[in-house]
ModelCIF file with pLDDT and N, C-alpha, C, O atoms, coordinates in Angstrom:
data_MODEL
#
_entry.id   MODEL 
#
_entity.id                         1 
_entity.type                       polymer 
_entity.pdbx_number_of_molecules   1 
#
_entity_poly.entity_id                      1 
_entity_poly.type                           'polypeptide(L)' 
_entity_poly.nstd_linkage                   no 
_entity_poly.nstd_monomer                   no 
_entity_poly.pdbx_seq_one_letter_code       ALAWIKRMDSSGGAGSLPGITGFRKAILERPDSLKNVDDATLGEIVA 
_entity_poly.pdbx_seq_one_letter_code_can   ALAWIKRMDSSGGAGSLPGITGFRKAILERPDSLKNVDDATLGEIVA 
_entity_poly.pdbx_strand_id                 A 
#
loop_
_entity_poly_seq.entity_id 
_entity_poly_seq.num 
_entity_poly_seq.mon_id 
_entity_poly_seq.hetero 
1 1  ALA n 
1 2  LEU n 
1 3  ALA n 
1 4  TRP n 
1 5  ILE n 
1 6  LYS n 
1 7  ARG n 
1 8  MET n 
1 9  ASP n 
1 10 SER n 
1 11 SER n 
1 12 GLY n 
1 13 GLY n 
1 14 ALA n 
1 15 GLY n 
1 16 SER n 
1 17 LEU n 
1 18 PRO n 
1 19 GLY n 
1 20 ILE n 
1 21 THR n 
1 22 GLY n 
1 23 PHE n 
1 24 ARG n 
1 25 LYS n 
1 26 ALA n 
1 27 ILE n 
1 28 LEU n 
1 29 GLU n 
1 30 ARG n 
1 31 PRO n 
1 32 ASP n 
1 33 SER n 
1 34 LEU n 
1 35 LYS n 
1 36 ASN n 
1 37 VAL n 
1 38 ASP n 
1 39 ASP n 
1 40 ALA n 
1 41 THR n 
1 42 LEU n 
1 43 GLY n 
1 44 GLU n 
1 45 ILE n 
1 46 VAL n 
1 47 ALA n 
#
_struct_asym.id          A 
_struct_asym.entity_id   1 
#
loop_
_ma_qa_metric.id 
_ma_qa_metric.mode 
_ma_qa_metric.name 
_ma_qa_metric.software_group_id 
_ma_qa_metric.type 
1 global pLDDT . pLDDT 
2 local  pLDDT . pLDDT 
#
_ma_qa_metric_global.metric_id      1 
_ma_qa_metric_global.metric_value   84.38 
_ma_qa_metric_global.model_id       1 
_ma_qa_metric_global.ordinal_id     1 
#
loop_
_ma_qa_metric_local.label_asym_id 
_ma_qa_metric_local.label_comp_id 
_ma_qa_metric_local.label_seq_id 
_ma_qa_metric_local.metric_id 
_ma_qa_metric_local.metric_value 
_ma_qa_metric_local.model_id 
_ma_qa_metric_local.ordinal_id 
A ALA 1  2 91.00 1 1  
A LEU 2  2 90.00 1 2  
A ALA 3  2 89.00 1 3  
A TRP 4  2 85.00 1 4  
A ILE 5  2 85.00 1 5  
A LYS 6  2 84.00 1 6  
A ARG 7  2 84.00 1 7  
A MET 8  2 80.00 1 8  
A ASP 9  2 72.00 1 9  
A SER 10 2 66.00 1 10 
A SER 11 2 59.00 1 11 
A GLY 12 2 57.00 1 12 
A GLY 13 2 54.00 1 13 
A ALA 14 2 47.00 1 14 
A GLY 15 2 49.00 1 15 
A SER 16 2 62.00 1 16 
A LEU 17 2 66.00 1 17 
A PRO 18 2 66.00 1 18 
A GLY 19 2 76.00 1 19 
A ILE 20 2 85.00 1 20 
A THR 21 2 87.00 1 21 
A GLY 22 2 88.00 1 22 
A PHE 23 2 90.00 1 23 
A ARG 24 2 92.00 1 24 
A LYS 25 2 92.00 1 25 
A ALA 26 2 93.00 1 26 
A ILE 27 2 95.00 1 27 
A LEU 28 2 95.00 1 28 
A GLU 29 2 95.00 1 29 
A ARG 30 2 95.00 1 30 
A PRO 31 2 95.00 1 31 
A ASP 32 2 95.00 1 32 
A SER 33 2 94.00 1 33 
A LEU 34 2 95.00 1 34 
A LYS 35 2 93.00 1 35 
A ASN 36 2 91.00 1 36 
A VAL 37 2 94.00 1 37 
A ASP 38 2 95.00 1 38 
A ASP 39 2 96.00 1 39 
A ALA 40 2 95.00 1 40 
A THR 41 2 95.00 1 41 
A LEU 42 2 95.00 1 42 
A GLY 43 2 94.00 1 43 
A GLU 44 2 92.00 1 44 
A ILE 45 2 93.00 1 45 
A VAL 46 2 94.00 1 46 
A ALA 47 2 91.00 1 47 
#
loop_
_atom_site.group_PDB 
_atom_site.id 
_atom_site.type_symbol 
_atom_site.label_atom_id 
_atom_site.label_alt_id 
_atom_site.label_comp_id 
_atom_site.label_asym_id 
_atom_site.label_entity_id 
_atom_site.label_seq_id 
_atom_site.pdbx_PDB_ins_code 
_atom_site.Cartn_x 
_atom_site.Cartn_y 
_atom_site.Cartn_z 
_atom_site.occupancy 
_atom_site.B_iso_or_equiv 
_atom_site.pdbx_formal_charge 
_atom_site.auth_seq_id 
_atom_site.auth_comp_id 
_atom_site.auth_asym_id 
_atom_site.auth_atom_id 
_atom_site.pdbx_PDB_model_num 
ATOM 1   N N  . ALA A 1 1  ? 42.359 -146.728 186.039 1.00 91.00 ? 1  ALA A N  1 
ATOM 2   C CA . ALA A 1 1  ? 43.077 -147.993 186.253 1.00 91.00 ? 1  ALA A CA 1 
ATOM 3   C C  . ALA A 1 1  ? 43.618 -148.530 184.929 1.00 91.00 ? 1  ALA A C  1 
ATOM 4   O O  . ALA A 1 1  ? 44.753 -149.000 184.863 1.00 91.00 ? 1  ALA A O  1 
ATOM 5   N N  . LEU A 1 2  ? 42.813 -148.459 183.888 1.00 90.00 ? 2  LEU A N  1 
ATOM 6   C CA . LEU A 1 2  ? 43.247 -148.928 182.580 1.00 90.00 ? 2  LEU A CA 1 
ATOM 7   C C  . LEU A 1 2  ? 44.407 -148.073 182.063 1.00 90.00 ? 2  LEU A C  1 
ATOM 8   O O  . LEU A 1 2  ? 45.365 -148.600 181.498 1.00 90.00 ? 2  LEU A O  1 
ATOM 9   N N  . ALA A 1 3  ? 44.320 -146.766 182.254 1.00 89.00 ? 3  ALA A N  1 
ATOM 10  C CA . ALA A 1 3  ? 45.412 -145.872 181.840 1.00 89.00 ? 3  ALA A CA 1 
ATOM 11  C C  . ALA A 1 3  ? 46.691 -146.196 182.607 1.00 89.00 ? 3  ALA A C  1 
ATOM 12  O O  . ALA A 1 3  ? 47.779 -146.171 182.032 1.00 89.00 ? 3  ALA A O  1 
ATOM 13  N N  . TRP A 1 4  ? 46.571 -146.497 183.892 1.00 85.00 ? 4  TRP A N  1 
ATOM 14  C CA . TRP A 1 4  ? 47.724 -146.857 184.730 1.00 85.00 ? 4  TRP A CA 1 
ATOM 15  C C  . TRP A 1 4  ? 48.391 -148.128 184.200 1.00 85.00 ? 4  TRP A C  1 
ATOM 16  O O  . TRP A 1 4  ? 49.614 -148.201 184.081 1.00 85.00 ? 4  TRP A O  1 
ATOM 17  N N  . ILE A 1 5  ? 47.571 -149.114 183.889 1.00 85.00 ? 5  ILE A N  1 
ATOM 18  C CA . ILE A 1 5  ? 48.096 -150.377 183.363 1.00 85.00 ? 5  ILE A CA 1 
ATOM 19  C C  . ILE A 1 5  ? 48.866 -150.128 182.064 1.00 85.00 ? 5  ILE A C  1 
ATOM 20  O O  . ILE A 1 5  ? 49.957 -150.665 181.868 1.00 85.00 ? 5  ILE A O  1 
ATOM 21  N N  . LYS A 1 6  ? 48.298 -149.322 181.194 1.00 84.00 ? 6  LYS A N  1 
ATOM 22  C CA . LYS A 1 6  ? 48.965 -149.020 179.916 1.00 84.00 ? 6  LYS A CA 1 
ATOM 23  C C  . LYS A 1 6  ? 50.298 -148.304 180.147 1.00 84.00 ? 6  LYS A C  1 
ATOM 24  O O  . LYS A 1 6  ? 51.287 -148.609 179.481 1.00 84.00 ? 6  LYS A O  1 
ATOM 25  N N  . ARG A 1 7  ? 50.330 -147.359 181.082 1.00 84.00 ? 7  ARG A N  1 
ATOM 26  C CA . ARG A 1 7  ? 51.579 -146.635 181.372 1.00 84.00 ? 7  ARG A CA 1 
ATOM 27  C C  . ARG A 1 7  ? 52.650 -147.563 181.920 1.00 84.00 ? 7  ARG A C  1 
ATOM 28  O O  . ARG A 1 7  ? 53.835 -147.358 181.655 1.00 84.00 ? 7  ARG A O  1 
ATOM 29  N N  . MET A 1 8  ? 52.263 -148.562 182.666 1.00 80.00 ? 8  MET A N  1 
ATOM 30  C CA . MET A 1 8  ? 53.217 -149.464 183.301 1.00 80.00 ? 8  MET A CA 1 
ATOM 31  C C  . MET A 1 8  ? 53.629 -150.625 182.403 1.00 80.00 ? 8  MET A C  1 
ATOM 32  O O  . MET A 1 8  ? 54.481 -151.430 182.780 1.00 80.00 ? 8  MET A O  1 
ATOM 33  N N  . ASP A 1 9  ? 53.029 -150.714 181.217 1.00 72.00 ? 9  ASP A N  1 
ATOM 34  C CA . ASP A 1 9  ? 53.321 -151.808 180.290 1.00 72.00 ? 9  ASP A CA 1 
ATOM 35  C C  . ASP A 1 9  ? 54.685 -151.594 179.642 1.00 72.00 ? 9  ASP A C  1 
ATOM 36  O O  . ASP A 1 9  ? 54.851 -150.718 178.793 1.00 72.00 ? 9  ASP A O  1 
ATOM 37  N N  . SER A 1 10 ? 55.642 -152.393 180.045 1.00 66.00 ? 10 SER A N  1 
ATOM 38  C CA . SER A 1 10 ? 56.994 -152.271 179.496 1.00 66.00 ? 10 SER A CA 1 
ATOM 39  C C  . SER A 1 10 ? 57.171 -153.073 178.208 1.00 66.00 ? 10 SER A C  1 
ATOM 40  O O  . SER A 1 10 ? 58.207 -152.971 177.550 1.00 66.00 ? 10 SER A O  1 
ATOM 41  N N  . SER A 1 11 ? 56.167 -153.869 177.847 1.00 59.00 ? 11 SER A N  1 
ATOM 42  C CA . SER A 1 11 ? 56.297 -154.700 176.650 1.00 59.00 ? 11 SER A CA 1 
ATOM 43  C C  . SER A 1 11 ? 55.866 -153.968 175.386 1.00 59.00 ? 11 SER A C  1 
ATOM 44  O O  . SER A 1 11 ? 55.981 -154.503 174.284 1.00 59.00 ? 11 SER A O  1 
ATOM 45  N N  . GLY A 1 12 ? 55.366 -152.736 175.546 1.00 57.00 ? 12 GLY A N  1 
ATOM 46  C CA . GLY A 1 12 ? 54.894 -152.005 174.382 1.00 57.00 ? 12 GLY A CA 1 
ATOM 47  C C  . GLY A 1 12 ? 53.629 -152.597 173.787 1.00 57.00 ? 12 GLY A C  1 
ATOM 48  O O  . GLY A 1 12 ? 53.353 -152.420 172.601 1.00 57.00 ? 12 GLY A O  1 
ATOM 49  N N  . GLY A 1 13 ? 52.866 -153.296 174.602 1.00 54.00 ? 13 GLY A N  1 
ATOM 50  C CA . GLY A 1 13 ? 51.618 -153.899 174.143 1.00 54.00 ? 13 GLY A CA 1 
ATOM 51  C C  . GLY A 1 13 ? 51.787 -155.265 173.517 1.00 54.00 ? 13 GLY A C  1 
ATOM 52  O O  . GLY A 1 13 ? 50.813 -155.866 173.065 1.00 54.00 ? 13 GLY A O  1 
ATOM 53  N N  . ALA A 1 14 ? 53.015 -155.762 173.485 1.00 47.00 ? 14 ALA A N  1 
ATOM 54  C CA . ALA A 1 14 ? 53.277 -157.036 172.827 1.00 47.00 ? 14 ALA A CA 1 
ATOM 55  C C  . ALA A 1 14 ? 52.974 -158.237 173.718 1.00 47.00 ? 14 ALA A C  1 
ATOM 56  O O  . ALA A 1 14 ? 52.725 -159.332 173.215 1.00 47.00 ? 14 ALA A O  1 
ATOM 57  N N  . GLY A 1 15 ? 52.992 -158.044 175.012 1.00 49.00 ? 15 GLY A N  1 
ATOM 58  C CA . GLY A 1 15 ? 52.785 -159.173 175.919 1.00 49.00 ? 15 GLY A CA 1 
ATOM 59  C C  . GLY A 1 15 ? 51.583 -158.970 176.809 1.00 49.00 ? 15 GLY A C  1 
ATOM 60  O O  . GLY A 1 15 ? 50.746 -158.102 176.561 1.00 49.00 ? 15 GLY A O  1 
ATOM 61  N N  . SER A 1 16 ? 51.506 -159.766 177.831 1.00 62.00 ? 16 SER A N  1 
ATOM 62  C CA . SER A 1 16 ? 50.441 -159.662 178.815 1.00 62.00 ? 16 SER A CA 1 
ATOM 63  C C  . SER A 1 16 ? 50.637 -158.386 179.629 1.00 62.00 ? 16 SER A C  1 
ATOM 64  O O  . SER A 1 16 ? 51.746 -158.085 180.070 1.00 62.00 ? 16 SER A O  1 
ATOM 65  N N  . LEU A 1 17 ? 49.575 -157.657 179.818 1.00 66.00 ? 17 LEU A N  1 
ATOM 66  C CA . LEU A 1 17 ? 49.672 -156.410 180.569 1.00 66.00 ? 17 LEU A CA 1 
ATOM 67  C C  . LEU A 1 17 ? 49.826 -156.681 182.064 1.00 66.00 ? 17 LEU A C  1 
ATOM 68  O O  . LEU A 1 17 ? 49.090 -157.491 182.628 1.00 66.00 ? 17 LEU A O  1 
ATOM 69  N N  . PRO A 1 18 ? 50.770 -156.012 182.700 1.00 66.00 ? 18 PRO A N  1 
ATOM 70  C CA . PRO A 1 18 ? 50.909 -156.177 184.145 1.00 66.00 ? 18 PRO A CA 1 
ATOM 71  C C  . PRO A 1 18 ? 49.701 -155.556 184.837 1.00 66.00 ? 18 PRO A C  1 
ATOM 72  O O  . PRO A 1 18 ? 49.244 -154.479 184.455 1.00 66.00 ? 18 PRO A O  1 
ATOM 73  N N  . GLY A 1 19 ? 49.196 -156.227 185.835 1.00 76.00 ? 19 GLY A N  1 
ATOM 74  C CA . GLY A 1 19 ? 48.088 -155.679 186.610 1.00 76.00 ? 19 GLY A CA 1 
ATOM 75  C C  . GLY A 1 19 ? 46.716 -155.981 186.072 1.00 76.00 ? 19 GLY A C  1 
ATOM 76  O O  . GLY A 1 19 ? 45.722 -155.618 186.701 1.00 76.00 ? 19 GLY A O  1 
ATOM 77  N N  . ILE A 1 20 ? 46.623 -156.636 184.928 1.00 85.00 ? 20 ILE A N  1 
ATOM 78  C CA . ILE A 1 20 ? 45.318 -156.861 184.313 1.00 85.00 ? 20 ILE A CA 1 
ATOM 79  C C  . ILE A 1 20 ? 44.455 -157.820 185.133 1.00 85.00 ? 20 ILE A C  1 
ATOM 80  O O  . ILE A 1 20 ? 43.233 -157.679 185.155 1.00 85.00 ? 20 ILE A O  1 
ATOM 81  N N  . THR A 1 21 ? 45.068 -158.782 185.801 1.00 87.00 ? 21 THR A N  1 
ATOM 82  C CA . THR A 1 21 ? 44.294 -159.726 186.618 1.00 87.00 ? 21 THR A CA 1 
ATOM 83  C C  . THR A 1 21 ? 43.609 -159.004 187.777 1.00 87.00 ? 21 THR A C  1 
ATOM 84  O O  . THR A 1 21 ? 42.425 -159.221 188.035 1.00 87.00 ? 21 THR A O  1 
ATOM 85  N N  . GLY A 1 22 ? 44.352 -158.151 188.470 1.00 88.00 ? 22 GLY A N  1 
ATOM 86  C CA . GLY A 1 22 ? 43.761 -157.376 189.559 1.00 88.00 ? 22 GLY A CA 1 
ATOM 87  C C  . GLY A 1 22 ? 42.677 -156.438 189.074 1.00 88.00 ? 22 GLY A C  1 
ATOM 88  O O  . GLY A 1 22 ? 41.662 -156.249 189.744 1.00 88.00 ? 22 GLY A O  1 
ATOM 89  N N  . PHE A 1 23 ? 42.894 -155.847 187.905 1.00 90.00 ? 23 PHE A N  1 
ATOM 90  C CA . PHE A 1 23 ? 41.912 -154.953 187.296 1.00 90.00 ? 23 PHE A CA 1 
ATOM 91  C C  . PHE A 1 23 ? 40.604 -155.694 187.022 1.00 90.00 ? 23 PHE A C  1 
ATOM 92  O O  . PHE A 1 23 ? 39.526 -155.228 187.390 1.00 90.00 ? 23 PHE A O  1 
ATOM 93  N N  . ARG A 1 24 ? 40.716 -156.857 186.368 1.00 92.00 ? 24 ARG A N  1 
ATOM 94  C CA . ARG A 1 24 ? 39.515 -157.638 186.064 1.00 92.00 ? 24 ARG A CA 1 
ATOM 95  C C  . ARG A 1 24 ? 38.793 -158.073 187.338 1.00 92.00 ? 24 ARG A C  1 
ATOM 96  O O  . ARG A 1 24 ? 37.564 -158.048 187.404 1.00 92.00 ? 24 ARG A O  1 
ATOM 97  N N  . LYS A 1 25 ? 39.563 -158.470 188.344 1.00 92.00 ? 25 LYS A N  1 
ATOM 98  C CA . LYS A 1 25 ? 38.960 -158.890 189.620 1.00 92.00 ? 25 LYS A CA 1 
ATOM 99  C C  . LYS A 1 25 ? 38.156 -157.748 190.234 1.00 92.00 ? 25 LYS A C  1 
ATOM 100 O O  . LYS A 1 25 ? 37.035 -157.954 190.700 1.00 92.00 ? 25 LYS A O  1 
ATOM 101 N N  . ALA A 1 26 ? 38.730 -156.545 190.235 1.00 93.00 ? 26 ALA A N  1 
ATOM 102 C CA . ALA A 1 26 ? 38.041 -155.388 190.820 1.00 93.00 ? 26 ALA A CA 1 
ATOM 103 C C  . ALA A 1 26 ? 36.771 -155.051 190.045 1.00 93.00 ? 26 ALA A C  1 
ATOM 104 O O  . ALA A 1 26 ? 35.748 -154.724 190.646 1.00 93.00 ? 26 ALA A O  1 
ATOM 105 N N  . ILE A 1 27 ? 36.826 -155.128 188.724 1.00 95.00 ? 27 ILE A N  1 
ATOM 106 C CA . ILE A 1 27 ? 35.648 -154.827 187.899 1.00 95.00 ? 27 ILE A CA 1 
ATOM 107 C C  . ILE A 1 27 ? 34.535 -155.835 188.193 1.00 95.00 ? 27 ILE A C  1 
ATOM 108 O O  . ILE A 1 27 ? 33.363 -155.464 188.264 1.00 95.00 ? 27 ILE A O  1 
ATOM 109 N N  . LEU A 1 28 ? 34.895 -157.094 188.362 1.00 95.00 ? 28 LEU A N  1 
ATOM 110 C CA . LEU A 1 28 ? 33.884 -158.108 188.688 1.00 95.00 ? 28 LEU A CA 1 
ATOM 111 C C  . LEU A 1 28 ? 33.324 -157.913 190.090 1.00 95.00 ? 28 LEU A C  1 
ATOM 112 O O  . LEU A 1 28 ? 32.157 -158.216 190.338 1.00 95.00 ? 28 LEU A O  1 
ATOM 113 N N  . GLU A 1 29 ? 34.140 -157.412 191.006 1.00 95.00 ? 29 GLU A N  1 
ATOM 114 C CA . GLU A 1 29 ? 33.673 -157.152 192.365 1.00 95.00 ? 29 GLU A CA 1 
ATOM 115 C C  . GLU A 1 29 ? 32.786 -155.909 192.430 1.00 95.00 ? 29 GLU A C  1 
ATOM 116 O O  . GLU A 1 29 ? 31.872 -155.825 193.251 1.00 95.00 ? 29 GLU A O  1 
ATOM 117 N N  . ARG A 1 30 ? 33.069 -154.955 191.557 1.00 95.00 ? 30 ARG A N  1 
ATOM 118 C CA . ARG A 1 30 ? 32.328 -153.691 191.556 1.00 95.00 ? 30 ARG A CA 1 
ATOM 119 C C  . ARG A 1 30 ? 31.865 -153.327 190.156 1.00 95.00 ? 30 ARG A C  1 
ATOM 120 O O  . ARG A 1 30 ? 32.344 -152.353 189.574 1.00 95.00 ? 30 ARG A O  1 
ATOM 121 N N  . PRO A 1 31 ? 30.932 -154.108 189.609 1.00 95.00 ? 31 PRO A N  1 
ATOM 122 C CA . PRO A 1 31 ? 30.484 -153.824 188.245 1.00 95.00 ? 31 PRO A CA 1 
ATOM 123 C C  . PRO A 1 31 ? 29.821 -152.452 188.107 1.00 95.00 ? 31 PRO A C  1 
ATOM 124 O O  . PRO A 1 31 ? 29.756 -151.900 187.008 1.00 95.00 ? 31 PRO A O  1 
ATOM 125 N N  . ASP A 1 32 ? 29.333 -151.906 189.213 1.00 95.00 ? 32 ASP A N  1 
ATOM 126 C CA . ASP A 1 32 ? 28.723 -150.577 189.147 1.00 95.00 ? 32 ASP A CA 1 
ATOM 127 C C  . ASP A 1 32 ? 29.719 -149.497 188.743 1.00 95.00 ? 32 ASP A C  1 
ATOM 128 O O  . ASP A 1 32 ? 29.320 -148.399 188.355 1.00 95.00 ? 32 ASP A O  1 
ATOM 129 N N  . SER A 1 33 ? 31.017 -149.801 188.831 1.00 94.00 ? 33 SER A N  1 
ATOM 130 C CA . SER A 1 33 ? 32.030 -148.830 188.420 1.00 94.00 ? 33 SER A CA 1 
ATOM 131 C C  . SER A 1 33 ? 31.995 -148.579 186.911 1.00 94.00 ? 33 SER A C  1 
ATOM 132 O O  . SER A 1 33 ? 32.602 -147.625 186.425 1.00 94.00 ? 33 SER A O  1 
ATOM 133 N N  . LEU A 1 34 ? 31.285 -149.431 186.173 1.00 95.00 ? 34 LEU A N  1 
ATOM 134 C CA . LEU A 1 34 ? 31.193 -149.276 184.722 1.00 95.00 ? 34 LEU A CA 1 
ATOM 135 C C  . LEU A 1 34 ? 29.960 -148.490 184.281 1.00 95.00 ? 34 LEU A C  1 
ATOM 136 O O  . LEU A 1 34 ? 29.759 -148.280 183.084 1.00 95.00 ? 34 LEU A O  1 
ATOM 137 N N  . LYS A 1 35 ? 29.144 -148.059 185.221 1.00 93.00 ? 35 LYS A N  1 
ATOM 138 C CA . LYS A 1 35 ? 27.889 -147.385 184.880 1.00 93.00 ? 35 LYS A CA 1 
ATOM 139 C C  . LYS A 1 35 ? 28.092 -146.135 184.027 1.00 93.00 ? 35 LYS A C  1 
ATOM 140 O O  . LYS A 1 35 ? 27.315 -145.893 183.104 1.00 93.00 ? 35 LYS A O  1 
ATOM 141 N N  . ASN A 1 36 ? 29.097 -145.357 184.310 1.00 91.00 ? 36 ASN A N  1 
ATOM 142 C CA . ASN A 1 36 ? 29.287 -144.087 183.609 1.00 91.00 ? 36 ASN A CA 1 
ATOM 143 C C  . ASN A 1 36 ? 30.496 -144.074 182.690 1.00 91.00 ? 36 ASN A C  1 
ATOM 144 O O  . ASN A 1 36 ? 30.982 -143.007 182.317 1.00 91.00 ? 36 ASN A O  1 
ATOM 145 N N  . VAL A 1 37 ? 30.977 -145.239 182.326 1.00 94.00 ? 37 VAL A N  1 
ATOM 146 C CA . VAL A 1 37 ? 32.141 -145.347 181.452 1.00 94.00 ? 37 VAL A CA 1 
ATOM 147 C C  . VAL A 1 37 ? 31.688 -145.122 180.008 1.00 94.00 ? 37 VAL A C  1 
ATOM 148 O O  . VAL A 1 37 ? 30.676 -145.672 179.574 1.00 94.00 ? 37 VAL A O  1 
ATOM 149 N N  . ASP A 1 38 ? 32.447 -144.309 179.269 1.00 95.00 ? 38 ASP A N  1 
ATOM 150 C CA . ASP A 1 38 ? 32.101 -144.061 177.872 1.00 95.00 ? 38 ASP A CA 1 
ATOM 151 C C  . ASP A 1 38 ? 32.298 -145.331 177.042 1.00 95.00 ? 38 ASP A C  1 
ATOM 152 O O  . ASP A 1 38 ? 32.973 -146.272 177.461 1.00 95.00 ? 38 ASP A O  1 
ATOM 153 N N  . ASP A 1 39 ? 31.696 -145.330 175.868 1.00 96.00 ? 39 ASP A N  1 
ATOM 154 C CA . ASP A 1 39 ? 31.703 -146.527 175.027 1.00 96.00 ? 39 ASP A CA 1 
ATOM 155 C C  . ASP A 1 39 ? 33.110 -146.959 174.614 1.00 96.00 ? 39 ASP A C  1 
ATOM 156 O O  . ASP A 1 39 ? 33.406 -148.154 174.586 1.00 96.00 ? 39 ASP A O  1 
ATOM 157 N N  . ALA A 1 40 ? 33.975 -146.003 174.295 1.00 95.00 ? 40 ALA A N  1 
ATOM 158 C CA . ALA A 1 40 ? 35.333 -146.360 173.867 1.00 95.00 ? 40 ALA A CA 1 
ATOM 159 C C  . ALA A 1 40 ? 36.089 -147.071 174.991 1.00 95.00 ? 40 ALA A C  1 
ATOM 160 O O  . ALA A 1 40 ? 36.757 -148.079 174.759 1.00 95.00 ? 40 ALA A O  1 
ATOM 161 N N  . THR A 1 41 ? 35.976 -146.539 176.202 1.00 95.00 ? 41 THR A N  1 
ATOM 162 C CA . THR A 1 41 ? 36.650 -147.148 177.355 1.00 95.00 ? 41 THR A CA 1 
ATOM 163 C C  . THR A 1 41 ? 36.032 -148.505 177.673 1.00 95.00 ? 41 THR A C  1 
ATOM 164 O O  . THR A 1 41 ? 36.741 -149.458 177.992 1.00 95.00 ? 41 THR A O  1 
ATOM 165 N N  . LEU A 1 42 ? 34.711 -148.585 177.586 1.00 95.00 ? 42 LEU A N  1 
ATOM 166 C CA . LEU A 1 42 ? 34.041 -149.859 177.844 1.00 95.00 ? 42 LEU A CA 1 
ATOM 167 C C  . LEU A 1 42 ? 34.524 -150.921 176.852 1.00 95.00 ? 42 LEU A C  1 
ATOM 168 O O  . LEU A 1 42 ? 34.748 -152.070 177.233 1.00 95.00 ? 42 LEU A O  1 
ATOM 169 N N  . GLY A 1 43 ? 34.681 -150.542 175.598 1.00 94.00 ? 43 GLY A N  1 
ATOM 170 C CA . GLY A 1 43 ? 35.196 -151.472 174.595 1.00 94.00 ? 43 GLY A CA 1 
ATOM 171 C C  . GLY A 1 43 ? 36.597 -151.956 174.931 1.00 94.00 ? 43 GLY A C  1 
ATOM 172 O O  . GLY A 1 43 ? 36.911 -153.133 174.758 1.00 94.00 ? 43 GLY A O  1 
ATOM 173 N N  . GLU A 1 44 ? 37.444 -151.041 175.415 1.00 92.00 ? 44 GLU A N  1 
ATOM 174 C CA . GLU A 1 44 ? 38.807 -151.428 175.830 1.00 92.00 ? 44 GLU A CA 1 
ATOM 175 C C  . GLU A 1 44 ? 38.764 -152.388 177.004 1.00 92.00 ? 44 GLU A C  1 
ATOM 176 O O  . GLU A 1 44 ? 39.510 -153.366 177.048 1.00 92.00 ? 44 GLU A O  1 
ATOM 177 N N  . ILE A 1 45 ? 37.886 -152.103 177.952 1.00 93.00 ? 45 ILE A N  1 
ATOM 178 C CA . ILE A 1 45 ? 37.763 -152.957 179.139 1.00 93.00 ? 45 ILE A CA 1 
ATOM 179 C C  . ILE A 1 45 ? 37.305 -154.354 178.727 1.00 93.00 ? 45 ILE A C  1 
ATOM 180 O O  . ILE A 1 45 ? 37.861 -155.351 179.186 1.00 93.00 ? 45 ILE A O  1 
ATOM 181 N N  . VAL A 1 46 ? 36.299 -154.427 177.868 1.00 94.00 ? 46 VAL A N  1 
ATOM 182 C CA . VAL A 1 46 ? 35.804 -155.724 177.400 1.00 94.00 ? 46 VAL A CA 1 
ATOM 183 C C  . VAL A 1 46 ? 36.934 -156.503 176.726 1.00 94.00 ? 46 VAL A C  1 
ATOM 184 O O  . VAL A 1 46 ? 37.069 -157.709 176.932 1.00 94.00 ? 46 VAL A O  1 
ATOM 185 N N  . ALA A 1 47 ? 37.732 -155.822 175.933 1.00 91.00 ? 47 ALA A N  1 
ATOM 186 C CA . ALA A 1 47 ? 38.858 -156.483 175.255 1.00 91.00 ? 47 ALA A CA 1 
ATOM 187 C C  . ALA A 1 47 ? 39.845 -157.076 176.252 1.00 91.00 ? 47 ALA A C  1 
ATOM 188 O O  . ALA A 1 47 ? 40.848 -157.667 175.852 1.00 91.00 ? 47 ALA A O  1 
#
């Protein structure tokens, strides 16, 4: 999901990422999805 958001970012990282609100909502609804996430990805998600 994070990779998808980055691919769809037309601002080149300069603005708000499209889809980030839905992403955060899903993570809060299903925190167990973070159980096997590597540290680098977890750090990106936290950011």
